[in-house]
Amino acid sequence: MKQLIGRLHSIETLGTRDGPGLRCVFFLAGCNYRCQFCQNPDTWTCRGSQQITLEQARERLEPLLPYLKQHGGGVTVSGGEPTQQAEFVQALFALCHELGLTTALDTNGSCPIARRAGLLAVTDTVLLDVKASSQKLHRKLTGKPLAPVLEFGRWAAKIPGRLVIRRVLLPGINDSAAELDALGGYAAGLPDKPFIELIAYHRLGVHKWQELGWRYPLAKLKPP
């Protein structure tokens, strides 16, 4: 059997915002999106990332087990875009279940079709970022089409209570009545009605763009 190796950007050991309870968050490297408001542009490529095996992941998790279990938590995989390493994430989530931990996937919904069923079978919570409700705006903000995101959400919603839809509200861009009505309409039409989490726009990641020598596309946009 081949040894699966993930490309890791960083680990947050005790997170509270990325899934139920207390979370250990693995930020994987590599992303297929180029979101104009990304707070982690340093995760777009694997440059500077480190390799991690499943055994190394186990070694990282075992000391945290008492804390995570006591607070109803588990492991969240984010990025970057974790489904770009879907095979590794699937194996990592299987390990988490073996350790008695819940699993959460923070994703843009672009998971390869061939990997969907296997990955979702070991995913307890899907945090799906639906960045815009119109095809045109979604492509403008991310560089990618919206349709695969919506289709992934329909897959994730087949299991009751699994899907959480997230939207970072960009003032004057994706927070209009039409945008939010369309988001609500999409959620209402899913097999299981998901929780919708609206997140206020912030500029906490702007310094990362500057450190990379990149122009931040939404430099004139102010937080609410």
C-alpha atoms as a PDB file:
ATOM      1  CA  MET A   1       0.000   0.000   0.000  1.00  0.00           C
ATOM      2  CA  LYS A   2       1.377   3.421  -0.943  1.00  0.00           C
ATOM      3  CA  GLN A   3       2.046   5.931   1.789  1.00  0.00           C
ATOM      4  CA  LEU A   4      -0.207   8.947   1.483  1.00  0.00           C
ATOM      5  CA  ILE A   5       1.494  12.287   1.972  1.00  0.00           C
ATOM      6  CA  GLY A   6      -0.254  15.608   2.418  1.00  0.00           C
ATOM      7  CA  ARG A   7       1.100  19.074   1.736  1.00  0.00           C
ATOM      8  CA  LEU A   8       0.600  21.062   4.934  1.00  0.00           C
ATOM      9  CA  HIS A   9       0.716  24.816   5.373  1.00  0.00           C
ATOM     10  CA  SER A  10       0.062  25.003   9.127  1.00  0.00           C
ATOM     11  CA  ILE A  11      -1.948  23.615  12.056  1.00  0.00           C
ATOM     12  CA  GLU A  12      -4.146  25.494  14.517  1.00  0.00           C
ATOM     13  CA  THR A  13      -4.370  23.254  17.558  1.00  0.00           C
ATOM     14  CA  LEU A  14      -7.378  24.685  19.393  1.00  0.00           C
ATOM     15  CA  GLY A  15      -9.720  26.439  16.974  1.00  0.00           C
ATOM     16  CA  THR A  16     -13.273  27.472  17.833  1.00  0.00           C
ATOM     17  CA  ARG A  17     -14.682  28.862  14.568  1.00  0.00           C
ATOM     18  CA  ASP A  18     -14.372  26.013  12.090  1.00  0.00           C
ATOM     19  CA  GLY A  19     -16.918  23.396  13.064  1.00  0.00           C
ATOM     20  CA  PRO A  20     -18.609  22.147  16.229  1.00  0.00           C
ATOM     21  CA  GLY A  21     -16.769  22.233  19.542  1.00  0.00           C
ATOM     22  CA  LEU A  22     -13.028  22.604  19.892  1.00  0.00           C
ATOM     23  CA  ARG A  23     -11.150  21.871  16.650  1.00  0.00           C
ATOM     24  CA  CYS A  24      -7.664  21.015  15.525  1.00  0.00           C
ATOM     25  CA  VAL A  25      -7.479  22.685  12.114  1.00  0.00           C
ATOM     26  CA  PHE A  26      -5.154  21.391   9.393  1.00  0.00           C
ATOM     27  CA  PHE A  27      -4.529  24.079   6.767  1.00  0.00           C
ATOM     28  CA  LEU A  28      -3.433  22.279   3.614  1.00  0.00           C
ATOM     29  CA  ALA A  29      -1.431  23.938   0.864  1.00  0.00           C
ATOM     30  CA  GLY A  30      -2.666  24.452  -2.673  1.00  0.00           C
ATOM     31  CA  CYS A  31      -5.835  26.075  -3.991  1.00  0.00           C
ATOM     32  CA  ASN A  32      -7.520  26.178  -7.385  1.00  0.00           C
ATOM     33  CA  TYR A  33      -9.369  29.430  -6.605  1.00  0.00           C
ATOM     34  CA  ARG A  34      -7.984  32.962  -6.685  1.00  0.00           C
ATOM     35  CA  CYS A  35     -10.496  34.753  -4.482  1.00  0.00           C
ATOM     36  CA  GLN A  36     -10.186  38.529  -4.459  1.00  0.00           C
ATOM     37  CA  PHE A  37     -10.778  38.641  -0.698  1.00  0.00           C
ATOM     38  CA  CYS A  38      -8.745  35.578   0.320  1.00  0.00           C
ATOM     39  CA  GLN A  39      -7.319  35.840   3.831  1.00  0.00           C
ATOM     40  CA  ASN A  40      -4.750  33.082   3.203  1.00  0.00           C
ATOM     41  CA  PRO A  41      -3.175  33.781  -0.221  1.00  0.00           C
ATOM     42  CA  ASP A  42       0.015  32.213   1.101  1.00  0.00           C
ATOM     43  CA  THR A  43      -1.743  28.830   0.842  1.00  0.00           C
ATOM     44  CA  TRP A  44      -2.461  29.072  -2.897  1.00  0.00           C
ATOM     45  CA  THR A  45       0.641  27.119  -3.881  1.00  0.00           C
ATOM     46  CA  CYS A  46       2.626  24.373  -2.174  1.00  0.00           C
ATOM     47  CA  ARG A  47       5.741  26.534  -2.129  1.00  0.00           C
ATOM     48  CA  GLY A  48       7.158  26.517   1.392  1.00  0.00           C
ATOM     49  CA  SER A  49       4.742  23.844   2.601  1.00  0.00           C
ATOM     50  CA  GLN A  50       5.773  20.768   4.536  1.00  0.00           C
ATOM     51  CA  GLN A  51       4.970  17.120   3.971  1.00  0.00           C
ATOM     52  CA  ILE A  52       2.854  15.255   6.496  1.00  0.00           C
ATOM     53  CA  THR A  53       2.066  11.540   6.653  1.00  0.00           C
ATOM     54  CA  LEU A  54      -0.902   9.944   8.381  1.00  0.00           C
ATOM     55  CA  GLU A  55       1.372   8.676  11.131  1.00  0.00           C
ATOM     56  CA  GLN A  56       2.679  12.185  11.712  1.00  0.00           C
ATOM     57  CA  ALA A  57      -0.897  13.459  11.810  1.00  0.00           C
ATOM     58  CA  ARG A  58      -1.701  10.835  14.439  1.00  0.00           C
ATOM     59  CA  GLU A  59       1.293  11.966  16.500  1.00  0.00           C
ATOM     60  CA  ARG A  60       0.027  15.550  16.338  1.00  0.00           C
ATOM     61  CA  LEU A  61      -3.499  14.582  17.355  1.00  0.00           C
ATOM     62  CA  GLU A  62      -2.971  12.083  20.156  1.00  0.00           C
ATOM     63  CA  PRO A  63      -1.837  14.654  22.784  1.00  0.00           C
ATOM     64  CA  LEU A  64      -4.932  16.749  21.973  1.00  0.00           C
ATOM     65  CA  LEU A  65      -7.488  13.952  22.246  1.00  0.00           C
ATOM     66  CA  PRO A  66      -8.588  14.636  25.858  1.00  0.00           C
ATOM     67  CA  TYR A  67      -9.215  18.330  25.126  1.00  0.00           C
ATOM     68  CA  LEU A  68     -10.959  17.794  21.806  1.00  0.00           C
ATOM     69  CA  LYS A  69     -13.235  15.047  23.098  1.00  0.00           C
ATOM     70  CA  GLN A  70     -14.076  16.895  26.311  1.00  0.00           C
ATOM     71  CA  HIS A  71     -15.307  19.868  24.297  1.00  0.00           C
ATOM     72  CA  GLY A  72     -17.222  17.923  21.640  1.00  0.00           C
ATOM     73  CA  GLY A  73     -14.711  18.701  18.948  1.00  0.00           C
ATOM     74  CA  GLY A  74     -12.531  17.064  16.378  1.00  0.00           C
ATOM     75  CA  VAL A  75     -10.536  17.853  13.250  1.00  0.00           C
ATOM     76  CA  THR A  76     -11.264  20.396  10.539  1.00  0.00           C
ATOM     77  CA  VAL A  77      -9.331  20.435   7.271  1.00  0.00           C
ATOM     78  CA  SER A  78      -9.128  23.794   5.535  1.00  0.00           C
ATOM     79  CA  GLY A  79      -6.636  25.502   3.291  1.00  0.00           C
ATOM     80  CA  GLY A  80      -5.999  26.400   0.612  1.00  0.00           C
ATOM     81  CA  GLU A  81      -8.572  24.035  -0.819  1.00  0.00           C
ATOM     82  CA  PRO A  82      -8.422  20.644   0.919  1.00  0.00           C
ATOM     83  CA  THR A  83     -10.257  18.742  -1.804  1.00  0.00           C
ATOM     84  CA  GLN A  84      -7.242  19.322  -4.049  1.00  0.00           C
ATOM     85  CA  GLN A  85      -5.735  16.620  -1.809  1.00  0.00           C
ATOM     86  CA  ALA A  86      -8.955  14.628  -1.489  1.00  0.00           C
ATOM     87  CA  GLU A  87      -7.311  11.208  -1.210  1.00  0.00           C
ATOM     88  CA  PHE A  88      -5.154  12.321   1.719  1.00  0.00           C
ATOM     89  CA  VAL A  89      -8.055  14.091   3.435  1.00  0.00           C
ATOM     90  CA  GLN A  90     -10.247  11.004   3.108  1.00  0.00           C
ATOM     91  CA  ALA A  91      -7.571   8.878   4.777  1.00  0.00           C
ATOM     92  CA  LEU A  92      -6.991  11.528   7.465  1.00  0.00           C
ATOM     93  CA  PHE A  93     -10.706  11.650   8.264  1.00  0.00           C
ATOM     94  CA  ALA A  94     -10.827   7.852   8.527  1.00  0.00           C
ATOM     95  CA  LEU A  95      -7.973   8.115  11.037  1.00  0.00           C
ATOM     96  CA  CYS A  96      -9.895  10.769  12.969  1.00  0.00           C
ATOM     97  CA  HIS A  97     -12.912   8.477  13.265  1.00  0.00           C
ATOM     98  CA  GLU A  98     -10.603   5.720  14.463  1.00  0.00           C
ATOM     99  CA  LEU A  99      -9.423   8.114  17.191  1.00  0.00           C
ATOM    100  CA  GLY A 100     -13.002   9.010  18.128  1.00  0.00           C
ATOM    101  CA  LEU A 101     -12.939  12.506  16.620  1.00  0.00           C
ATOM    102  CA  THR A 102     -15.494  14.222  14.422  1.00  0.00           C
ATOM    103  CA  THR A 103     -14.467  15.584  11.029  1.00  0.00           C
ATOM    104  CA  ALA A 104     -15.236  18.839   9.230  1.00  0.00           C
ATOM    105  CA  LEU A 105     -14.339  19.923   5.709  1.00  0.00           C
ATOM    106  CA  ASP A 106     -13.957  23.652   4.979  1.00  0.00           C
ATOM    107  CA  THR A 107     -14.244  23.778   1.202  1.00  0.00           C
ATOM    108  CA  ASN A 108     -15.042  25.862  -1.860  1.00  0.00           C
ATOM    109  CA  GLY A 109     -16.957  22.881  -3.256  1.00  0.00           C
ATOM    110  CA  SER A 110     -14.676  22.067  -6.178  1.00  0.00           C
ATOM    111  CA  CYS A 111     -14.015  18.467  -5.124  1.00  0.00           C
ATOM    112  CA  PRO A 112     -13.214  16.169  -8.074  1.00  0.00           C
ATOM    113  CA  ILE A 113     -16.332  14.151  -8.929  1.00  0.00           C
ATOM    114  CA  ALA A 114     -14.484  10.839  -8.628  1.00  0.00           C
ATOM    115  CA  ARG A 115     -13.549  11.665  -5.018  1.00  0.00           C
ATOM    116  CA  ARG A 116     -16.889  13.001  -3.740  1.00  0.00           C
ATOM    117  CA  ALA A 117     -18.531   9.835  -2.466  1.00  0.00           C
ATOM    118  CA  GLY A 118     -15.488   8.501  -0.637  1.00  0.00           C
ATOM    119  CA  LEU A 119     -14.616  11.827   0.968  1.00  0.00           C
ATOM    120  CA  LEU A 120     -18.150  12.680   2.058  1.00  0.00           C
ATOM    121  CA  ALA A 121     -18.577   9.199   3.556  1.00  0.00           C
ATOM    122  CA  VAL A 122     -16.064  10.120   6.276  1.00  0.00           C
ATOM    123  CA  THR A 123     -17.041  13.807   6.627  1.00  0.00           C
ATOM    124  CA  ASP A 124     -19.334  14.712   9.523  1.00  0.00           C
ATOM    125  CA  THR A 125     -19.662  18.438   8.758  1.00  0.00           C
ATOM    126  CA  VAL A 126     -19.240  20.278   5.458  1.00  0.00           C
ATOM    127  CA  LEU A 127     -18.531  24.005   5.693  1.00  0.00           C
ATOM    128  CA  LEU A 128     -19.311  25.080   2.129  1.00  0.00           C
ATOM    129  CA  ASP A 129     -18.232  28.554   1.053  1.00  0.00           C
ATOM    130  CA  VAL A 130     -20.739  29.875  -1.485  1.00  0.00           C
ATOM    131  CA  LYS A 131     -19.023  33.125  -2.329  1.00  0.00           C
ATOM    132  CA  ALA A 132     -21.676  34.460  -4.709  1.00  0.00           C
ATOM    133  CA  SER A 133     -25.092  33.421  -6.000  1.00  0.00           C
ATOM    134  CA  SER A 134     -24.730  34.456  -9.637  1.00  0.00           C
ATOM    135  CA  GLN A 135     -22.447  32.776 -12.128  1.00  0.00           C
ATOM    136  CA  LYS A 136     -21.013  36.101 -13.302  1.00  0.00           C
ATOM    137  CA  LEU A 137     -20.174  37.431  -9.838  1.00  0.00           C
ATOM    138  CA  HIS A 138     -18.803  34.102  -8.637  1.00  0.00           C
ATOM    139  CA  ARG A 139     -16.403  33.916 -11.557  1.00  0.00           C
ATOM    140  CA  LYS A 140     -15.371  37.540 -11.037  1.00  0.00           C
ATOM    141  CA  LEU A 141     -14.600  36.967  -7.336  1.00  0.00           C
ATOM    142  CA  THR A 142     -12.955  33.546  -7.638  1.00  0.00           C
ATOM    143  CA  GLY A 143     -11.970  32.927 -11.241  1.00  0.00           C
ATOM    144  CA  LYS A 144     -14.088  29.750 -11.252  1.00  0.00           C
ATOM    145  CA  PRO A 145     -17.668  28.719 -12.186  1.00  0.00           C
ATOM    146  CA  LEU A 146     -20.446  28.469  -9.600  1.00  0.00           C
ATOM    147  CA  ALA A 147     -22.215  25.327 -10.864  1.00  0.00           C
ATOM    148  CA  PRO A 148     -19.794  22.752  -9.353  1.00  0.00           C
ATOM    149  CA  VAL A 149     -20.138  24.439  -5.946  1.00  0.00           C
ATOM    150  CA  LEU A 150     -23.917  24.152  -5.983  1.00  0.00           C
ATOM    151  CA  GLU A 151     -23.746  20.547  -7.148  1.00  0.00           C
ATOM    152  CA  PHE A 152     -21.326  19.656  -4.347  1.00  0.00           C
ATOM    153  CA  GLY A 153     -23.730  21.232  -1.867  1.00  0.00           C
ATOM    154  CA  ARG A 154     -26.546  19.027  -3.144  1.00  0.00           C
ATOM    155  CA  TRP A 155     -24.361  15.976  -2.552  1.00  0.00           C
ATOM    156  CA  ALA A 156     -23.379  17.114   0.934  1.00  0.00           C
ATOM    157  CA  ALA A 157     -26.987  17.830   1.926  1.00  0.00           C
ATOM    158  CA  LYS A 158     -28.049  14.219   1.374  1.00  0.00           C
ATOM    159  CA  ILE A 159     -27.092  13.507   4.996  1.00  0.00           C
ATOM    160  CA  PRO A 160     -29.235  15.476   7.499  1.00  0.00           C
ATOM    161  CA  GLY A 161     -27.343  18.008   9.574  1.00  0.00           C
ATOM    162  CA  ARG A 162     -24.085  17.718   7.653  1.00  0.00           C
ATOM    163  CA  LEU A 163     -24.060  20.874   5.532  1.00  0.00           C
ATOM    164  CA  VAL A 164     -23.339  24.426   6.695  1.00  0.00           C
ATOM    165  CA  ILE A 165     -23.347  27.120   4.009  1.00  0.00           C
ATOM    166  CA  ARG A 166     -21.023  30.048   4.594  1.00  0.00           C
ATOM    167  CA  ARG A 167     -20.963  33.459   2.962  1.00  0.00           C
ATOM    168  CA  VAL A 168     -18.451  36.226   3.647  1.00  0.00           C
ATOM    169  CA  LEU A 169     -20.493  39.386   3.132  1.00  0.00           C
ATOM    170  CA  LEU A 170     -18.614  41.855   0.946  1.00  0.00           C
ATOM    171  CA  PRO A 171     -20.339  45.241   1.381  1.00  0.00           C
ATOM    172  CA  GLY A 172     -21.963  46.330  -1.861  1.00  0.00           C
ATOM    173  CA  ILE A 173     -20.747  43.256  -3.742  1.00  0.00           C
ATOM    174  CA  ASN A 174     -22.399  39.987  -2.647  1.00  0.00           C
ATOM    175  CA  ASP A 175     -24.708  41.189   0.124  1.00  0.00           C
ATOM    176  CA  SER A 176     -27.587  42.564  -1.962  1.00  0.00           C
ATOM    177  CA  ALA A 177     -31.159  41.401  -1.468  1.00  0.00           C
ATOM    178  CA  ALA A 178     -31.017  39.580  -4.801  1.00  0.00           C
ATOM    179  CA  GLU A 179     -27.800  37.779  -3.852  1.00  0.00           C
ATOM    180  CA  LEU A 180     -29.059  36.698  -0.433  1.00  0.00           C
ATOM    181  CA  ASP A 181     -32.514  35.746  -1.739  1.00  0.00           C
ATOM    182  CA  ALA A 182     -30.832  33.498  -4.301  1.00  0.00           C
ATOM    183  CA  LEU A 183     -28.654  31.951  -1.591  1.00  0.00           C
ATOM    184  CA  GLY A 184     -31.701  31.286   0.577  1.00  0.00           C
ATOM    185  CA  GLY A 185     -33.587  29.840  -2.380  1.00  0.00           C
ATOM    186  CA  TYR A 186     -30.735  27.467  -3.123  1.00  0.00           C
ATOM    187  CA  ALA A 187     -30.592  26.337   0.509  1.00  0.00           C
ATOM    188  CA  ALA A 188     -34.372  25.847   0.648  1.00  0.00           C
ATOM    189  CA  GLY A 189     -34.239  23.544  -2.363  1.00  0.00           C
ATOM    190  CA  LEU A 190     -31.657  21.159  -0.911  1.00  0.00           C
ATOM    191  CA  PRO A 191     -32.557  17.658   0.353  1.00  0.00           C
ATOM    192  CA  ASP A 192     -31.788  18.785   3.921  1.00  0.00           C
ATOM    193  CA  LYS A 193     -32.119  22.425   4.928  1.00  0.00           C
ATOM    194  CA  PRO A 194     -28.651  23.658   5.958  1.00  0.00           C
ATOM    195  CA  PHE A 195     -27.637  26.256   8.484  1.00  0.00           C
ATOM    196  CA  ILE A 196     -26.462  29.452   6.768  1.00  0.00           C
ATOM    197  CA  GLU A 197     -23.605  31.328   8.421  1.00  0.00           C
ATOM    198  CA  LEU A 198     -23.100  34.934   7.331  1.00  0.00           C
ATOM    199  CA  ILE A 199     -19.591  36.207   8.069  1.00  0.00           C
ATOM    200  CA  ALA A 200     -18.639  39.879   8.225  1.00  0.00           C
ATOM    201  CA  TYR A 201     -15.911  40.958   5.830  1.00  0.00           C
ATOM    202  CA  HIS A 202     -12.587  41.824   7.443  1.00  0.00           C
ATOM    203  CA  ARG A 203      -9.091  42.786   6.305  1.00  0.00           C
ATOM    204  CA  LEU A 204      -7.029  40.539   8.588  1.00  0.00           C
ATOM    205  CA  GLY A 205      -5.276  38.836   5.683  1.00  0.00           C
ATOM    206  CA  VAL A 206      -4.366  41.944   3.684  1.00  0.00           C
ATOM    207  CA  HIS A 207      -0.831  42.010   5.101  1.00  0.00           C
ATOM    208  CA  LYS A 208      -0.208  38.581   3.562  1.00  0.00           C
ATOM    209  CA  TRP A 209      -0.909  39.978   0.093  1.00  0.00           C
ATOM    210  CA  GLN A 210       1.527  42.786   0.812  1.00  0.00           C
ATOM    211  CA  GLU A 211       4.204  40.389   2.068  1.00  0.00           C
ATOM    212  CA  LEU A 212       3.857  38.396  -1.154  1.00  0.00           C
ATOM    213  CA  GLY A 213       4.239  41.589  -3.186  1.00  0.00           C
ATOM    214  CA  TRP A 214       0.720  41.288  -4.603  1.00  0.00           C
ATOM    215  CA  ARG A 215      -1.929  43.948  -5.067  1.00  0.00           C
ATOM    216  CA  TYR A 216      -4.995  43.332  -2.893  1.00  0.00           C
ATOM    217  CA  PRO A 217      -7.959  43.562  -5.327  1.00  0.00           C
ATOM    218  CA  LEU A 218     -10.438  44.914  -2.761  1.00  0.00           C
ATOM    219  CA  ALA A 219      -8.133  47.536  -1.275  1.00  0.00           C
ATOM    220  CA  LYS A 220     -10.889  50.169  -1.298  1.00  0.00           C
ATOM    221  CA  LEU A 221     -13.503  47.947   0.352  1.00  0.00           C
ATOM    222  CA  LYS A 222     -14.097  48.829   3.995  1.00  0.00           C
ATOM    223  CA  PRO A 223     -15.362  46.382   6.639  1.00  0.00           C
ATOM    224  CA  PRO A 224     -18.862  47.069   8.018  1.00  0.00           C
END
